[in-house]
């Protein structure tokens, strides 16, 4: 597929204070795009904005807040005159056995990852229709295959994948293209935060290759940028994820069998797993919600 130049285009990135969102903003800017950063950490967003190569600005907003995101969409258009690209990247995660999980943290993963993506789409689709633009929904390997101890994250990422695929048919005839981005374990604060828990780290290391590795952030984001330039319907941050699509129907059975064996092995240590949101982004989300 041919690539579209990003020079002069306006891109919105949610969850832009760190990780995938922060590096994606920098790489889009390096290719000439103007960038609107959205997230919960205004100081970090300001620092990211100040380091970009092109015109940029930042907005403090919770992606689950309909009123706030509608305001952001309006203000971004006023600031830059249009919106060409929206990347719904904001996300949080927790881990551990479902029955012992913190109900509020579990719900928050669904709210941010799934509801927040829908709120983002609802806010920005009208301006994307004006520009005949592109909405990229960041999903995960967790949308392709289930994994024990990640019930909320798998549910949320499966949900955003289905939401984006359904939405593609609704808005395609109006000129808006919709893509889904898939990432495996990538070197971000979220993954490093999850790896601080010994059981979660060891369980992940027992996954079959190549899903047991942590992949560098830079090449993953380069693949996402290439997908944005192509307005791709599927964007794979690691090369092997494309091949997973062909076997995904078999994966629940395989994971169910293997996962039971591993859960039995780790059962004596399951009570040691942290039940809250993981990583610096999870901590920021909790601070905003609790006012601490």
Protein backbone atom coordinates (compact mmCIF):
# COMPACT_ATOMS: atom_id res chain seq x y z
CA UNK A 1 0.00 0.00 0.00
CA UNK A 2 1.16 3.53 -0.74
CA UNK A 3 2.12 5.79 2.12
CA UNK A 4 0.58 9.17 2.86
CA UNK A 5 2.98 11.95 3.80
CA UNK A 6 2.50 13.14 7.37
CA UNK A 7 3.89 16.59 6.61
CA UNK A 8 1.42 19.20 7.86
CA UNK A 9 -1.10 16.64 9.10
CA UNK A 10 -2.58 16.97 12.60
CA UNK A 11 -2.33 13.89 14.82
CA UNK A 12 -3.95 13.35 18.21
CA UNK A 13 -2.36 10.79 20.55
CA UNK A 14 -4.01 9.76 23.83
CA UNK A 15 -1.92 8.35 26.65
CA UNK A 16 0.93 10.47 25.31
CA UNK A 17 2.86 11.14 28.52
CA UNK A 18 4.98 8.01 28.33
CA UNK A 19 5.64 4.72 26.58
CA UNK A 20 4.13 4.02 23.18
CA UNK A 21 2.20 7.30 23.13
CA UNK A 22 5.19 9.49 23.95
CA UNK A 23 7.52 7.90 21.41
CA UNK A 24 4.78 7.80 18.78
CA UNK A 25 4.23 11.54 19.23
CA UNK A 26 7.95 12.16 18.74
CA UNK A 27 8.17 10.02 15.62
CA UNK A 28 5.04 11.55 14.08
CA UNK A 29 6.46 15.00 14.75
CA UNK A 30 9.79 14.01 13.17
CA UNK A 31 7.85 13.20 10.00
CA UNK A 32 6.27 16.64 9.93
CA UNK A 33 2.96 16.11 11.72
CA UNK A 34 1.56 18.59 14.19
CA UNK A 35 0.71 16.74 17.38
CA UNK A 36 -1.96 17.12 20.05
CA UNK A 37 -1.06 15.23 23.21
CA UNK A 38 -3.81 14.01 25.55
CA UNK A 39 -3.37 12.41 28.96
CA UNK A 40 -3.61 12.61 32.72
CA UNK A 41 -0.13 14.00 33.49
CA UNK A 42 0.05 17.67 32.44
CA UNK A 43 3.66 18.22 33.49
CA UNK A 44 4.89 15.18 31.57
CA UNK A 45 2.75 16.09 28.56
CA UNK A 46 4.19 19.61 28.55
CA UNK A 47 7.72 18.20 28.58
CA UNK A 48 6.93 15.87 25.68
CA UNK A 49 5.37 18.76 23.74
CA UNK A 50 8.40 20.97 24.27
CA UNK A 51 10.70 18.31 22.80
CA UNK A 52 8.75 17.83 19.58
CA UNK A 53 10.08 19.04 16.23
CA UNK A 54 6.83 20.57 15.01
CA UNK A 55 3.94 22.63 16.31
CA UNK A 56 2.24 20.85 19.21
CA UNK A 57 0.08 21.33 22.27
CA UNK A 58 -1.19 19.25 25.16
CA UNK A 59 -4.50 18.65 26.92
CA UNK A 60 -5.14 17.23 30.37
CA UNK A 61 -8.17 14.95 30.13
CA UNK A 62 -9.49 11.58 31.27
CA UNK A 63 -10.41 9.59 28.15
CA UNK A 64 -13.44 8.15 29.96
CA UNK A 65 -14.97 11.63 30.43
CA UNK A 66 -17.38 12.38 27.55
CA UNK A 67 -17.59 16.10 28.33
CA UNK A 68 -13.83 16.55 28.68
CA UNK A 69 -13.01 14.67 25.48
CA UNK A 70 -15.66 16.53 23.46
CA UNK A 71 -14.06 19.77 24.68
CA UNK A 72 -10.60 18.51 23.74
CA UNK A 73 -11.75 17.61 20.23
CA UNK A 74 -13.23 21.06 19.75
CA UNK A 75 -10.16 22.82 21.12
CA UNK A 76 -7.74 20.74 19.05
CA UNK A 77 -9.60 21.71 15.89
CA UNK A 78 -9.62 25.35 16.94
CA UNK A 79 -5.91 25.20 17.69
CA UNK A 80 -4.77 23.44 14.52
CA UNK A 81 -7.68 23.94 12.11
CA UNK A 82 -8.30 20.23 11.50
CA UNK A 83 -7.62 16.70 12.73
CA UNK A 84 -6.27 14.06 10.32
CA UNK A 85 -5.18 11.23 12.63
CA UNK A 86 -6.36 10.02 16.03
CA UNK A 87 -4.51 7.28 17.89
CA UNK A 88 -6.53 5.84 20.78
CA UNK A 89 -3.58 4.63 22.80
CA UNK A 90 -4.44 5.38 26.44
CA UNK A 91 -4.49 2.22 28.52
CA UNK A 92 -3.91 0.68 31.94
CA UNK A 93 -3.48 -2.88 33.18
CA UNK A 94 -3.68 -5.04 36.26
CA UNK A 95 -2.90 -8.68 36.91
CA UNK A 96 -3.56 -11.62 39.16
CA UNK A 97 -6.33 -14.17 39.70
CA UNK A 98 -9.79 -12.84 38.87
CA UNK A 99 -11.40 -13.81 42.16
CA UNK A 100 -8.72 -12.04 44.18
CA UNK A 101 -8.50 -8.99 41.92
CA UNK A 102 -9.39 -5.52 43.15
CA UNK A 103 -12.89 -4.91 41.73
CA UNK A 104 -12.22 -1.21 41.25
CA UNK A 105 -8.93 -1.78 39.45
CA UNK A 106 -10.54 -4.48 37.28
CA UNK A 107 -13.37 -2.13 36.34
CA UNK A 108 -10.96 0.72 35.67
CA UNK A 109 -9.04 -1.34 33.11
CA UNK A 110 -12.29 -1.87 31.20
CA UNK A 111 -13.27 1.79 31.56
CA UNK A 112 -9.98 3.24 30.31
CA UNK A 113 -9.11 0.71 27.63
CA UNK A 114 -12.56 0.04 26.16
CA UNK A 115 -14.94 2.81 27.23
CA UNK A 116 -12.18 5.41 26.93
CA UNK A 117 -11.49 4.33 23.36
CA UNK A 118 -15.17 4.65 22.48
CA UNK A 119 -15.35 8.06 24.13
CA UNK A 120 -12.30 9.13 22.14
CA UNK A 121 -13.86 7.91 18.91
CA UNK A 122 -17.17 9.60 19.65
CA UNK A 123 -15.42 12.90 20.34
CA UNK A 124 -13.14 12.94 17.29
CA UNK A 125 -15.07 11.15 14.54
CA UNK A 126 -16.96 14.28 13.46
CA UNK A 127 -13.69 16.12 12.74
CA UNK A 128 -12.15 13.03 11.15
CA UNK A 129 -15.12 12.89 8.79
CA UNK A 130 -14.35 16.46 7.75
CA UNK A 131 -10.74 15.58 6.93
CA UNK A 132 -11.43 12.04 5.68
CA UNK A 133 -8.92 10.98 8.27
CA UNK A 134 -7.71 7.89 10.11
CA UNK A 135 -8.52 6.44 13.54
CA UNK A 136 -6.02 3.92 14.90
CA UNK A 137 -7.15 1.88 17.87
CA UNK A 138 -4.29 0.36 19.83
CA UNK A 139 -5.13 -3.21 20.84
CA UNK A 140 -2.76 -6.00 21.86
CA UNK A 141 -1.72 -9.61 21.54
CA UNK A 142 -4.26 -9.93 24.38
CA UNK A 143 -7.02 -9.35 21.81
CA UNK A 144 -5.82 -12.34 19.77
CA UNK A 145 -5.23 -14.83 22.55
CA UNK A 146 -6.51 -15.12 26.12
CA UNK A 147 -4.10 -15.32 29.03
CA UNK A 148 -4.69 -16.35 32.65
CA UNK A 149 -4.21 -13.63 35.28
CA UNK A 150 -5.05 -10.95 32.72
CA UNK A 151 -8.84 -11.18 32.55
CA UNK A 152 -9.55 -7.44 32.55
CA UNK A 153 -6.82 -6.57 30.06
CA UNK A 154 -7.76 -9.38 27.66
CA UNK A 155 -11.45 -8.46 27.89
CA UNK A 156 -10.73 -4.79 27.25
CA UNK A 157 -8.41 -5.37 24.30
CA UNK A 158 -10.73 -7.94 22.73
CA UNK A 159 -13.44 -5.34 23.13
CA UNK A 160 -11.57 -2.53 21.44
CA UNK A 161 -10.61 -4.80 18.57
CA UNK A 162 -14.26 -5.73 17.97
CA UNK A 163 -15.39 -2.13 18.44
CA UNK A 164 -12.90 -0.85 15.86
CA UNK A 165 -13.73 -3.55 13.31
CA UNK A 166 -17.45 -2.81 13.65
CA UNK A 167 -16.85 0.93 13.46
CA UNK A 168 -14.82 0.55 10.25
CA UNK A 169 -17.95 -0.42 8.33
CA UNK A 170 -19.97 2.46 9.79
CA UNK A 171 -17.59 5.28 8.90
CA UNK A 172 -15.69 3.94 5.89
CA UNK A 173 -18.18 5.24 3.36
CA UNK A 174 -17.78 8.68 4.92
CA UNK A 175 -14.08 8.65 4.15
CA UNK A 176 -12.72 7.69 7.59
CA UNK A 177 -10.39 4.70 7.75
CA UNK A 178 -10.12 2.70 10.96
CA UNK A 179 -7.16 0.57 11.96
CA UNK A 180 -6.33 -1.77 14.82
CA UNK A 181 -2.78 -1.85 16.16
CA UNK A 182 -1.45 -5.01 17.80
CA UNK A 183 1.50 -5.10 20.20
CA UNK A 184 3.08 -7.96 22.10
CA UNK A 185 5.06 -7.37 25.30
CA UNK A 186 6.90 -4.14 24.60
CA UNK A 187 9.41 -2.33 26.80
CA UNK A 188 7.17 0.25 28.46
CA UNK A 189 6.46 1.36 32.02
CA UNK A 190 3.34 -0.84 32.00
CA UNK A 191 5.23 -4.01 31.13
CA UNK A 192 8.11 -3.19 33.47
CA UNK A 193 5.57 -2.57 36.22
CA UNK A 194 3.95 -5.95 35.62
CA UNK A 195 7.38 -7.61 35.65
CA UNK A 196 8.04 -6.29 39.16
CA UNK A 197 5.74 -9.05 40.36
CA UNK A 198 7.77 -12.27 40.46
CA UNK A 199 4.87 -14.59 39.69
CA UNK A 200 3.60 -12.58 36.74
CA UNK A 201 7.13 -12.29 35.33
CA UNK A 202 7.83 -16.00 35.69
CA UNK A 203 4.46 -16.97 34.25
CA UNK A 204 5.08 -14.81 31.21
CA UNK A 205 8.55 -16.28 30.72
CA UNK A 206 6.94 -19.72 30.45
CA UNK A 207 4.87 -18.68 27.43
CA UNK A 208 5.96 -20.21 24.10
CA UNK A 209 8.42 -18.31 21.92
CA UNK A 210 8.10 -15.63 20.57
CA UNK A 211 5.38 -14.43 22.96
CA UNK A 212 7.63 -14.79 26.01
CA UNK A 213 9.99 -11.98 25.01
CA UNK A 214 9.91 -8.26 25.76
CA UNK A 215 10.46 -6.31 22.54
CA UNK A 216 12.20 -2.93 22.19
CA UNK A 217 9.92 0.09 21.97
CA UNK A 218 11.57 1.87 19.04
CA UNK A 219 11.04 -0.72 16.28
CA UNK A 220 7.49 -1.36 17.50
CA UNK A 221 6.59 2.32 17.20
CA UNK A 222 8.30 2.53 13.80
CA UNK A 223 5.91 -0.16 12.58
CA UNK A 224 2.95 1.76 14.00
CA UNK A 225 4.06 4.93 12.20
CA UNK A 226 4.35 2.98 8.94
CA UNK A 227 0.83 1.69 9.50
CA UNK A 228 -0.44 5.23 10.02
CA UNK A 229 1.26 6.37 6.82
CA UNK A 230 -0.50 3.55 4.96
CA UNK A 231 -3.83 4.07 6.76
CA UNK A 232 -3.71 0.31 7.40
CA UNK A 233 -6.66 -1.65 8.75
CA UNK A 234 -4.25 -3.90 10.70
CA UNK A 235 -0.95 -2.70 12.16
CA UNK A 236 1.48 -5.18 13.73
CA UNK A 237 4.16 -3.78 16.03
CA UNK A 238 6.03 -7.11 15.99
CA UNK A 239 6.44 -9.05 12.76
CA UNK A 240 5.11 -12.40 14.03
CA UNK A 241 1.76 -11.04 15.25
CA UNK A 242 0.36 -11.12 11.72
CA UNK A 243 0.81 -14.89 11.67
CA UNK A 244 -1.12 -15.25 14.94
CA UNK A 245 -4.30 -14.16 13.18
CA UNK A 246 -4.41 -17.39 11.19
CA UNK A 247 -4.29 -19.63 14.27
CA UNK A 248 -6.23 -17.55 16.79
CA UNK A 249 -9.20 -19.92 16.70
CA UNK A 250 -7.07 -22.67 18.24
CA UNK A 251 -5.48 -20.54 20.94
CA UNK A 252 -8.21 -20.57 23.64
CA UNK A 253 -8.05 -24.37 23.81
CA UNK A 254 -4.27 -24.42 23.93
CA UNK A 255 -4.06 -21.68 26.54
CA UNK A 256 -6.81 -23.33 28.56
CA UNK A 257 -4.90 -26.59 28.76
CA UNK A 258 -1.44 -25.17 29.30
CA UNK A 259 -2.69 -22.40 31.57
CA UNK A 260 -4.33 -24.84 33.99
CA UNK A 261 -1.03 -26.65 34.40
CA UNK A 262 0.85 -23.42 35.06
CA UNK A 263 -1.79 -22.06 37.46
CA UNK A 264 -1.55 -25.27 39.47
CA UNK A 265 2.22 -24.84 39.59
CA UNK A 266 1.99 -21.24 40.82
CA UNK A 267 -1.01 -21.66 43.14
CA UNK A 268 0.98 -21.50 46.42
CA UNK A 269 2.32 -18.07 45.40
CA UNK A 270 -0.79 -16.49 43.88
CA UNK A 271 -1.60 -14.59 47.06
CA UNK A 272 1.55 -12.51 46.70
CA UNK A 273 0.45 -10.82 43.46
CA UNK A 274 -0.39 -7.12 43.60
CA UNK A 275 -4.02 -6.45 42.63
CA UNK A 276 -3.81 -2.79 41.64
CA UNK A 277 -2.99 -1.03 38.37
CA UNK A 278 0.60 -1.55 37.27
CA UNK A 279 3.33 0.83 36.14
CA UNK A 280 3.77 4.59 36.29
CA UNK A 281 0.72 5.15 34.10
CA UNK A 282 -1.41 3.09 36.46
CA UNK A 283 -0.12 5.10 39.41
CA UNK A 284 -0.97 8.35 37.61
CA UNK A 285 -4.48 7.12 36.92
CA UNK A 286 -4.99 6.20 40.56
CA UNK A 287 -3.71 9.59 41.73
CA UNK A 288 -6.16 11.42 39.50
CA UNK A 289 -9.11 9.27 40.57
CA UNK A 290 -8.35 9.44 44.28
CA UNK A 291 -7.09 13.03 44.33
CA UNK A 292 -3.94 11.95 46.17
